[in-house]
Amino acid sequence: MNMAVAENLQEPVDENALVRRHADLVKRIAHHLAARLPASVEVDDLIQAGVIGLIEAARHYSGTRGASFETYAGIRIRGAMLDELRQTDWAPRSVHRRERAVSEAIRKIEQKNGREARDHEIAAHLDIDLAEFHAIVQDASRCQVLSIDHGGEDGDETMDAQDDTAGPLQHLQHDEFQQELARAISELPERERLVLSMYYERELNLREIGAVLKVSESRVCQIHGQALLRLRARLKSWRELAAVS
């Protein structure tokens, strides 16, 4: 049986087994990410942060949530690494603001139209040309400053990690967020979902993904970045609805 399918059928999830089985995923993502970061960034620091992300992913993963563990854990690991990078505060605040603006534009367009926001609609909403829009989403794909749950003013927020001291209501809200994250991944446009799967689950690099999709490496970078921004937009919309209800 395919490992991803087996994990999806596994109930309850064996957290220790998941961590052991996917330990190498942390190193691969760390080196993958470090290749596009300044030389001053230590790979060991990324690995240390990524291990925490992997443990959190194993702790909160449920095979009933729709996304394979590799995809889910890859995003959590990468998010933990980005949180570590963000603490160094080397990314320009203007980059955070541009990504936040794109995410908000996606959210408003999708709420209005009831379907996925398209590139030209997002650019028009922001009054920028497509070249500038694609540059912004490429920055998001390079993942120097972006995490899935992006709610702070300058990118200094973290993934929605669970606080062990939180009460029952906070634990429930955290579990609901994890379920919504998995659902949001499964409902991305097909090409964006495919890129995330190949990048996080199959661990292909951008060039290899481009060869599969028959597009340029820069286009893969754009698709990947837009997927992350779209996830952030949809999760923000979910948070607002959850707060009202």
C-alpha atoms as a PDB file:
ATOM      1  CA  MET A   1       0.000   0.000   0.000  1.00  0.00           C
ATOM      2  CA  ASN A   2       1.207   3.526  -0.784  1.00  0.00           C
ATOM      3  CA  MET A   3       2.724   5.084   2.339  1.00  0.00           C
ATOM      4  CA  ALA A   4       0.663   8.281   2.047  1.00  0.00           C
ATOM      5  CA  VAL A   5      -2.535   6.219   1.717  1.00  0.00           C
ATOM      6  CA  ALA A   6      -1.541   4.072   4.657  1.00  0.00           C
ATOM      7  CA  GLU A   7      -0.997   7.145   6.796  1.00  0.00           C
ATOM      8  CA  ASN A   8      -4.359   8.543   5.769  1.00  0.00           C
ATOM      9  CA  LEU A   9      -5.989   5.295   6.941  1.00  0.00           C
ATOM     10  CA  GLN A  10      -4.023   5.179  10.181  1.00  0.00           C
ATOM     11  CA  GLU A  11      -6.169   5.828  13.238  1.00  0.00           C
ATOM     12  CA  PRO A  12      -5.034   6.878  15.699  1.00  0.00           C
ATOM     13  CA  VAL A  13      -1.873   8.470  14.295  1.00  0.00           C
ATOM     14  CA  ASP A  14       1.378   7.134  15.779  1.00  0.00           C
ATOM     15  CA  GLU A  15       3.188  10.428  16.426  1.00  0.00           C
ATOM     16  CA  ASN A  16       6.606   8.931  17.180  1.00  0.00           C
ATOM     17  CA  ALA A  17       6.497   6.750  14.079  1.00  0.00           C
ATOM     18  CA  LEU A  18       5.608   9.733  11.895  1.00  0.00           C
ATOM     19  CA  VAL A  19       8.499  11.784  13.310  1.00  0.00           C
ATOM     20  CA  ARG A  20      11.018   8.963  12.829  1.00  0.00           C
ATOM     21  CA  ARG A  21       9.810   8.159   9.332  1.00  0.00           C
ATOM     22  CA  HIS A  22       9.985  11.764   8.151  1.00  0.00           C
ATOM     23  CA  ALA A  23      13.092  13.016   9.966  1.00  0.00           C
ATOM     24  CA  ASP A  24      14.999  13.303   6.678  1.00  0.00           C
ATOM     25  CA  LEU A  25      12.237  15.583   5.356  1.00  0.00           C
ATOM     26  CA  VAL A  26      13.428  18.280   7.757  1.00  0.00           C
ATOM     27  CA  LYS A  27      16.973  18.191   6.369  1.00  0.00           C
ATOM     28  CA  ARG A  28      15.781  18.203   2.778  1.00  0.00           C
ATOM     29  CA  ILE A  29      13.539  21.214   3.330  1.00  0.00           C
ATOM     30  CA  ALA A  30      16.270  23.035   5.262  1.00  0.00           C
ATOM     31  CA  HIS A  31      18.808  22.617   2.454  1.00  0.00           C
ATOM     32  CA  HIS A  32      16.130  23.363  -0.136  1.00  0.00           C
ATOM     33  CA  LEU A  33      15.294  26.620   1.623  1.00  0.00           C
ATOM     34  CA  ALA A  34      18.892  27.555   2.443  1.00  0.00           C
ATOM     35  CA  ALA A  35      19.813  27.452  -1.239  1.00  0.00           C
ATOM     36  CA  ARG A  36      17.754  30.624  -1.738  1.00  0.00           C
ATOM     37  CA  LEU A  37      18.814  32.425   1.436  1.00  0.00           C
ATOM     38  CA  PRO A  38      21.865  34.527   2.333  1.00  0.00           C
ATOM     39  CA  ALA A  39      24.999  32.577   3.261  1.00  0.00           C
ATOM     40  CA  SER A  40      24.729  33.995   6.785  1.00  0.00           C
ATOM     41  CA  VAL A  41      21.744  31.735   7.474  1.00  0.00           C
ATOM     42  CA  GLU A  42      22.874  28.554   9.234  1.00  0.00           C
ATOM     43  CA  VAL A  43      21.329  25.334   7.949  1.00  0.00           C
ATOM     44  CA  ASP A  44      21.570  23.817  11.429  1.00  0.00           C
ATOM     45  CA  ASP A  45      19.347  26.574  12.789  1.00  0.00           C
ATOM     46  CA  LEU A  46      16.753  25.789  10.131  1.00  0.00           C
ATOM     47  CA  ILE A  47      16.936  22.071  10.923  1.00  0.00           C
ATOM     48  CA  GLN A  48      16.477  22.696  14.636  1.00  0.00           C
ATOM     49  CA  ALA A  49      13.386  24.799  13.956  1.00  0.00           C
ATOM     50  CA  GLY A  50      12.107  22.297  11.404  1.00  0.00           C
ATOM     51  CA  VAL A  51      12.254  19.430  13.885  1.00  0.00           C
ATOM     52  CA  ILE A  52       9.885  21.368  16.110  1.00  0.00           C
ATOM     53  CA  GLY A  53       7.576  21.857  13.133  1.00  0.00           C
ATOM     54  CA  LEU A  54       7.672  18.123  12.377  1.00  0.00           C
ATOM     55  CA  ILE A  55       6.801  17.223  15.968  1.00  0.00           C
ATOM     56  CA  GLU A  56       3.908  19.676  15.915  1.00  0.00           C
ATOM     57  CA  ALA A  57       2.691  18.247  12.618  1.00  0.00           C
ATOM     58  CA  ALA A  58       2.756  14.692  13.956  1.00  0.00           C
ATOM     59  CA  ARG A  59       1.012  15.769  17.141  1.00  0.00           C
ATOM     60  CA  HIS A  60      -1.890  17.435  15.361  1.00  0.00           C
ATOM     61  CA  TYR A  61      -2.215  15.462  12.120  1.00  0.00           C
ATOM     62  CA  SER A  62      -5.326  13.448  11.431  1.00  0.00           C
ATOM     63  CA  GLY A  63      -5.577  11.187   8.396  1.00  0.00           C
ATOM     64  CA  THR A  64      -9.215  12.196   8.027  1.00  0.00           C
ATOM     65  CA  ARG A  65      -8.346  15.805   7.186  1.00  0.00           C
ATOM     66  CA  GLY A  66      -7.759  15.263   3.476  1.00  0.00           C
ATOM     67  CA  ALA A  67      -4.089  16.201   2.996  1.00  0.00           C
ATOM     68  CA  SER A  68      -1.321  13.580   3.101  1.00  0.00           C
ATOM     69  CA  PHE A  69       1.058  13.816   6.041  1.00  0.00           C
ATOM     70  CA  GLU A  70       4.000  14.704   3.781  1.00  0.00           C
ATOM     71  CA  THR A  71       2.200  17.746   2.385  1.00  0.00           C
ATOM     72  CA  TYR A  72       0.859  18.802   5.773  1.00  0.00           C
ATOM     73  CA  ALA A  73       4.165  18.274   7.607  1.00  0.00           C
ATOM     74  CA  GLY A  74       6.159  19.960   4.846  1.00  0.00           C
ATOM     75  CA  ILE A  75       4.186  23.157   5.273  1.00  0.00           C
ATOM     76  CA  ARG A  76       4.450  23.014   9.074  1.00  0.00           C
ATOM     77  CA  ILE A  77       8.203  22.334   8.923  1.00  0.00           C
ATOM     78  CA  ARG A  78       8.762  25.142   6.451  1.00  0.00           C
ATOM     79  CA  GLY A  79       6.593  27.467   8.524  1.00  0.00           C
ATOM     80  CA  ALA A  80       8.660  26.735  11.629  1.00  0.00           C
ATOM     81  CA  MET A  81      11.847  27.486   9.713  1.00  0.00           C
ATOM     82  CA  LEU A  82      10.389  30.757   8.459  1.00  0.00           C
ATOM     83  CA  ASP A  83       9.399  31.712  11.976  1.00  0.00           C
ATOM     84  CA  GLU A  84      13.020  31.158  12.974  1.00  0.00           C
ATOM     85  CA  LEU A  85      14.193  33.340  10.083  1.00  0.00           C
ATOM     86  CA  ARG A  86      11.668  36.000  10.939  1.00  0.00           C
ATOM     87  CA  GLN A  87      13.091  36.345  14.437  1.00  0.00           C
ATOM     88  CA  THR A  88      16.335  37.583  12.886  1.00  0.00           C
ATOM     89  CA  ASP A  89      14.300  40.377  11.253  1.00  0.00           C
ATOM     90  CA  TRP A  90      16.490  40.588   8.131  1.00  0.00           C
ATOM     91  CA  ALA A  91      13.642  40.669   5.617  1.00  0.00           C
ATOM     92  CA  PRO A  92      12.549  44.181   4.552  1.00  0.00           C
ATOM     93  CA  ARG A  93       9.198  45.242   5.990  1.00  0.00           C
ATOM     94  CA  SER A  94       8.155  46.394   2.532  1.00  0.00           C
ATOM     95  CA  VAL A  95       8.202  42.751   1.408  1.00  0.00           C
ATOM     96  CA  HIS A  96       5.867  41.780   4.238  1.00  0.00           C
ATOM     97  CA  ARG A  97       3.501  44.599   3.328  1.00  0.00           C
ATOM     98  CA  ARG A  98       3.407  43.680  -0.370  1.00  0.00           C
ATOM     99  CA  GLU A  99       2.623  40.047   0.363  1.00  0.00           C
ATOM    100  CA  ARG A 100      -0.010  41.007   2.896  1.00  0.00           C
ATOM    101  CA  ALA A 101      -1.634  43.310   0.336  1.00  0.00           C
ATOM    102  CA  VAL A 102      -1.794  40.520  -2.258  1.00  0.00           C
ATOM    103  CA  SER A 103      -3.263  38.115   0.275  1.00  0.00           C
ATOM    104  CA  GLU A 104      -5.930  40.641   1.245  1.00  0.00           C
ATOM    105  CA  ALA A 105      -6.757  41.294  -2.429  1.00  0.00           C
ATOM    106  CA  ILE A 106      -7.199  37.568  -3.007  1.00  0.00           C
ATOM    107  CA  ARG A 107      -9.477  37.326   0.001  1.00  0.00           C
ATOM    108  CA  LYS A 108     -11.722  40.200  -1.096  1.00  0.00           C
ATOM    109  CA  ILE A 109     -11.969  39.031  -4.714  1.00  0.00           C
ATOM    110  CA  GLU A 110     -12.822  35.461  -3.734  1.00  0.00           C
ATOM    111  CA  GLN A 111     -15.413  36.617  -1.216  1.00  0.00           C
ATOM    112  CA  LYS A 112     -17.022  38.823  -3.852  1.00  0.00           C
ATOM    113  CA  ASN A 113     -16.959  36.373  -6.769  1.00  0.00           C
ATOM    114  CA  GLY A 114     -17.283  33.042  -4.984  1.00  0.00           C
ATOM    115  CA  ARG A 115     -14.395  31.519  -6.961  1.00  0.00           C
ATOM    116  CA  GLU A 116     -10.624  31.644  -7.077  1.00  0.00           C
ATOM    117  CA  ALA A 117      -9.066  35.030  -7.743  1.00  0.00           C
ATOM    118  CA  ARG A 118      -7.180  35.286 -11.033  1.00  0.00           C
ATOM    119  CA  ASP A 119      -3.841  36.952 -11.626  1.00  0.00           C
ATOM    120  CA  HIS A 120      -5.164  39.883 -13.659  1.00  0.00           C
ATOM    121  CA  GLU A 121      -7.953  40.515 -11.124  1.00  0.00           C
ATOM    122  CA  ILE A 122      -5.508  40.656  -8.228  1.00  0.00           C
ATOM    123  CA  ALA A 123      -3.168  42.972 -10.115  1.00  0.00           C
ATOM    124  CA  ALA A 124      -6.057  45.251 -11.105  1.00  0.00           C
ATOM    125  CA  HIS A 125      -7.325  45.353  -7.520  1.00  0.00           C
ATOM    126  CA  LEU A 126      -3.873  46.477  -6.350  1.00  0.00           C
ATOM    127  CA  ASP A 127      -3.434  48.838  -9.322  1.00  0.00           C
ATOM    128  CA  ILE A 128      -0.182  47.176 -10.363  1.00  0.00           C
ATOM    129  CA  ASP A 129       0.836  45.422 -13.565  1.00  0.00           C
ATOM    130  CA  LEU A 130       1.161  41.654 -13.894  1.00  0.00           C
ATOM    131  CA  ALA A 131       4.960  41.802 -13.847  1.00  0.00           C
ATOM    132  CA  GLU A 132       4.949  43.446 -10.425  1.00  0.00           C
ATOM    133  CA  PHE A 133       2.312  41.022  -9.151  1.00  0.00           C
ATOM    134  CA  HIS A 134       4.374  38.040 -10.308  1.00  0.00           C
ATOM    135  CA  ALA A 135       7.460  39.488  -8.622  1.00  0.00           C
ATOM    136  CA  ILE A 136       5.547  39.647  -5.326  1.00  0.00           C
ATOM    137  CA  VAL A 137       4.377  36.050  -5.503  1.00  0.00           C
ATOM    138  CA  GLN A 138       7.884  34.941  -6.441  1.00  0.00           C
ATOM    139  CA  ASP A 139       9.094  36.537  -3.210  1.00  0.00           C
ATOM    140  CA  ALA A 140       6.436  34.526  -1.391  1.00  0.00           C
ATOM    141  CA  SER A 141       7.638  31.318  -3.058  1.00  0.00           C
ATOM    142  CA  ARG A 142      11.188  31.978  -1.973  1.00  0.00           C
ATOM    143  CA  CYS A 143       9.655  31.785   1.469  1.00  0.00           C
ATOM    144  CA  GLN A 144      11.982  34.257   3.095  1.00  0.00           C
ATOM    145  CA  VAL A 145       9.171  35.944   4.984  1.00  0.00           C
ATOM    146  CA  LEU A 146       5.931  34.016   4.591  1.00  0.00           C
ATOM    147  CA  SER A 147       4.077  31.513   6.735  1.00  0.00           C
ATOM    148  CA  ILE A 148       0.583  30.148   6.323  1.00  0.00           C
ATOM    149  CA  ASP A 149      -1.007  31.867   9.289  1.00  0.00           C
ATOM    150  CA  HIS A 150       0.134  35.429   8.653  1.00  0.00           C
ATOM    151  CA  GLY A 151      -1.649  37.864  10.896  1.00  0.00           C
ATOM    152  CA  GLY A 152       0.866  40.336  12.273  1.00  0.00           C
ATOM    153  CA  GLU A 153       1.822  43.716  10.976  1.00  0.00           C
ATOM    154  CA  ASP A 154       5.315  42.984   9.727  1.00  0.00           C
ATOM    155  CA  GLY A 155       5.541  39.267   9.343  1.00  0.00           C
ATOM    156  CA  ASP A 156       6.588  38.507  12.892  1.00  0.00           C
ATOM    157  CA  GLU A 157       3.736  36.091  13.598  1.00  0.00           C
ATOM    158  CA  THR A 158       4.072  32.345  13.902  1.00  0.00           C
ATOM    159  CA  MET A 159       2.200  29.316  12.713  1.00  0.00           C
ATOM    160  CA  ASP A 160      -0.803  28.535  14.824  1.00  0.00           C
ATOM    161  CA  ALA A 161       1.171  26.300  17.181  1.00  0.00           C
ATOM    162  CA  GLN A 162      -0.690  24.907  20.132  1.00  0.00           C
ATOM    163  CA  ASP A 163       0.138  26.152  23.607  1.00  0.00           C
ATOM    164  CA  ASP A 164       0.368  23.233  26.028  1.00  0.00           C
ATOM    165  CA  THR A 165      -0.944  25.494  28.782  1.00  0.00           C
ATOM    166  CA  ALA A 166      -4.054  26.501  26.814  1.00  0.00           C
ATOM    167  CA  GLY A 167      -7.510  25.620  28.052  1.00  0.00           C
ATOM    168  CA  PRO A 168     -10.091  23.355  26.384  1.00  0.00           C
ATOM    169  CA  LEU A 169     -11.504  26.149  24.208  1.00  0.00           C
ATOM    170  CA  GLN A 170      -8.057  27.082  22.878  1.00  0.00           C
ATOM    171  CA  HIS A 171      -7.279  23.429  22.109  1.00  0.00           C
ATOM    172  CA  LEU A 172     -10.571  23.096  20.236  1.00  0.00           C
ATOM    173  CA  GLN A 173      -9.884  26.248  18.226  1.00  0.00           C
ATOM    174  CA  HIS A 174      -6.401  24.991  17.366  1.00  0.00           C
ATOM    175  CA  ASP A 175      -7.720  21.645  16.143  1.00  0.00           C
ATOM    176  CA  GLU A 176     -10.337  23.441  14.058  1.00  0.00           C
ATOM    177  CA  PHE A 177      -7.611  25.565  12.481  1.00  0.00           C
ATOM    178  CA  GLN A 178      -5.575  22.497  11.555  1.00  0.00           C
ATOM    179  CA  GLN A 179      -8.636  20.933   9.938  1.00  0.00           C
ATOM    180  CA  GLU A 180      -9.303  24.126   8.012  1.00  0.00           C
ATOM    181  CA  LEU A 181      -5.685  24.277   6.845  1.00  0.00           C
ATOM    182  CA  ALA A 182      -5.937  20.747   5.459  1.00  0.00           C
ATOM    183  CA  ARG A 183      -9.264  21.569   3.789  1.00  0.00           C
ATOM    184  CA  ALA A 184      -7.862  24.777   2.297  1.00  0.00           C
ATOM    185  CA  ILE A 185      -4.946  22.840   0.790  1.00  0.00           C
ATOM    186  CA  SER A 186      -7.309  20.292  -0.751  1.00  0.00           C
ATOM    187  CA  GLU A 187      -9.431  23.074  -2.312  1.00  0.00           C
ATOM    188  CA  LEU A 188      -6.630  25.009  -3.984  1.00  0.00           C
ATOM    189  CA  PRO A 189      -6.716  25.268  -7.790  1.00  0.00           C
ATOM    190  CA  GLU A 190      -5.400  22.040  -9.277  1.00  0.00           C
ATOM    191  CA  ARG A 191      -2.091  23.424 -10.504  1.00  0.00           C
ATOM    192  CA  GLU A 192      -1.323  25.141  -7.189  1.00  0.00           C
ATOM    193  CA  ARG A 193      -2.218  22.000  -5.251  1.00  0.00           C
ATOM    194  CA  LEU A 194      -0.034  19.944  -7.588  1.00  0.00           C
ATOM    195  CA  VAL A 195       2.939  22.248  -7.128  1.00  0.00           C
ATOM    196  CA  LEU A 196       2.614  22.075  -3.328  1.00  0.00           C
ATOM    197  CA  SER A 197       2.372  18.289  -3.485  1.00  0.00           C
ATOM    198  CA  MET A 198       5.441  17.940  -5.718  1.00  0.00           C
ATOM    199  CA  TYR A 199       7.433  20.460  -3.681  1.00  0.00           C
ATOM    200  CA  TYR A 200       6.596  19.274  -0.154  1.00  0.00           C
ATOM    201  CA  GLU A 201       5.581  15.644  -0.590  1.00  0.00           C
ATOM    202  CA  ARG A 202       7.684  14.462  -3.529  1.00  0.00           C
ATOM    203  CA  GLU A 203      10.458  16.951  -2.635  1.00  0.00           C
ATOM    204  CA  LEU A 204      11.081  18.052  -6.202  1.00  0.00           C
ATOM    205  CA  ASN A 205      12.893  21.336  -6.746  1.00  0.00           C
ATOM    206  CA  LEU A 206      11.467  24.153  -8.849  1.00  0.00           C
ATOM    207  CA  ARG A 207      13.338  23.101 -11.976  1.00  0.00           C
ATOM    208  CA  GLU A 208      12.093  19.527 -11.707  1.00  0.00           C
ATOM    209  CA  ILE A 209       8.520  20.692 -11.147  1.00  0.00           C
ATOM    210  CA  GLY A 210       8.832  22.963 -14.174  1.00  0.00           C
ATOM    211  CA  ALA A 211       9.885  19.998 -16.290  1.00  0.00           C
ATOM    212  CA  VAL A 212       6.813  18.041 -15.175  1.00  0.00           C
ATOM    213  CA  LEU A 213       4.437  20.939 -15.831  1.00  0.00           C
ATOM    214  CA  LYS A 214       6.317  22.099 -18.954  1.00  0.00           C
ATOM    215  CA  VAL A 215       6.702  25.637 -17.639  1.00  0.00           C
ATOM    216  CA  SER A 216       9.685  27.735 -16.606  1.00  0.00           C
ATOM    217  CA  GLU A 217      11.246  27.602 -13.159  1.00  0.00           C
ATOM    218  CA  SER A 218      10.153  31.197 -12.543  1.00  0.00           C
ATOM    219  CA  ARG A 219       6.559  30.270 -13.373  1.00  0.00           C
ATOM    220  CA  VAL A 220       6.670  27.418 -10.859  1.00  0.00           C
ATOM    221  CA  CYS A 221       7.979  29.904  -8.313  1.00  0.00           C
ATOM    222  CA  GLN A 222       4.988  32.151  -9.027  1.00  0.00           C
ATOM    223  CA  ILE A 223       2.461  29.319  -8.762  1.00  0.00           C
ATOM    224  CA  HIS A 224       3.973  28.175  -5.479  1.00  0.00           C
ATOM    225  CA  GLY A 225       3.969  31.660  -4.024  1.00  0.00           C
ATOM    226  CA  GLN A 226       0.399  32.302  -5.101  1.00  0.00           C
ATOM    227  CA  ALA A 227      -0.706  29.033  -3.488  1.00  0.00           C
ATOM    228  CA  LEU A 228       0.766  30.146  -0.168  1.00  0.00           C
ATOM    229  CA  LEU A 229      -0.798  33.598  -0.433  1.00  0.00           C
ATOM    230  CA  ARG A 230      -4.160  32.083  -1.358  1.00  0.00           C
ATOM    231  CA  LEU A 231      -3.986  29.776   1.673  1.00  0.00           C
ATOM    232  CA  ARG A 232      -3.257  32.741   3.896  1.00  0.00           C
ATOM    233  CA  ALA A 233      -6.196  34.671   2.449  1.00  0.00           C
ATOM    234  CA  ARG A 234      -8.630  31.784   2.887  1.00  0.00           C
ATOM    235  CA  LEU A 235      -7.492  31.056   6.413  1.00  0.00           C
ATOM    236  CA  LYS A 236      -8.005  34.690   7.337  1.00  0.00           C
ATOM    237  CA  SER A 237     -11.540  34.542   5.967  1.00  0.00           C
ATOM    238  CA  TRP A 238     -12.161  31.392   7.997  1.00  0.00           C
ATOM    239  CA  ARG A 239     -10.856  33.063  11.145  1.00  0.00           C
ATOM    240  CA  GLU A 240     -13.235  35.967  10.678  1.00  0.00           C
ATOM    241  CA  LEU A 241     -16.219  33.643  10.213  1.00  0.00           C
ATOM    242  CA  ALA A 242     -15.157  31.578  13.212  1.00  0.00           C
ATOM    243  CA  ALA A 243     -14.916  34.708  15.360  1.00  0.00           C
ATOM    244  CA  VAL A 244     -18.459  35.745  14.381  1.00  0.00           C
ATOM    245  CA  SER A 245     -19.914  32.301  15.034  1.00  0.00           C
END
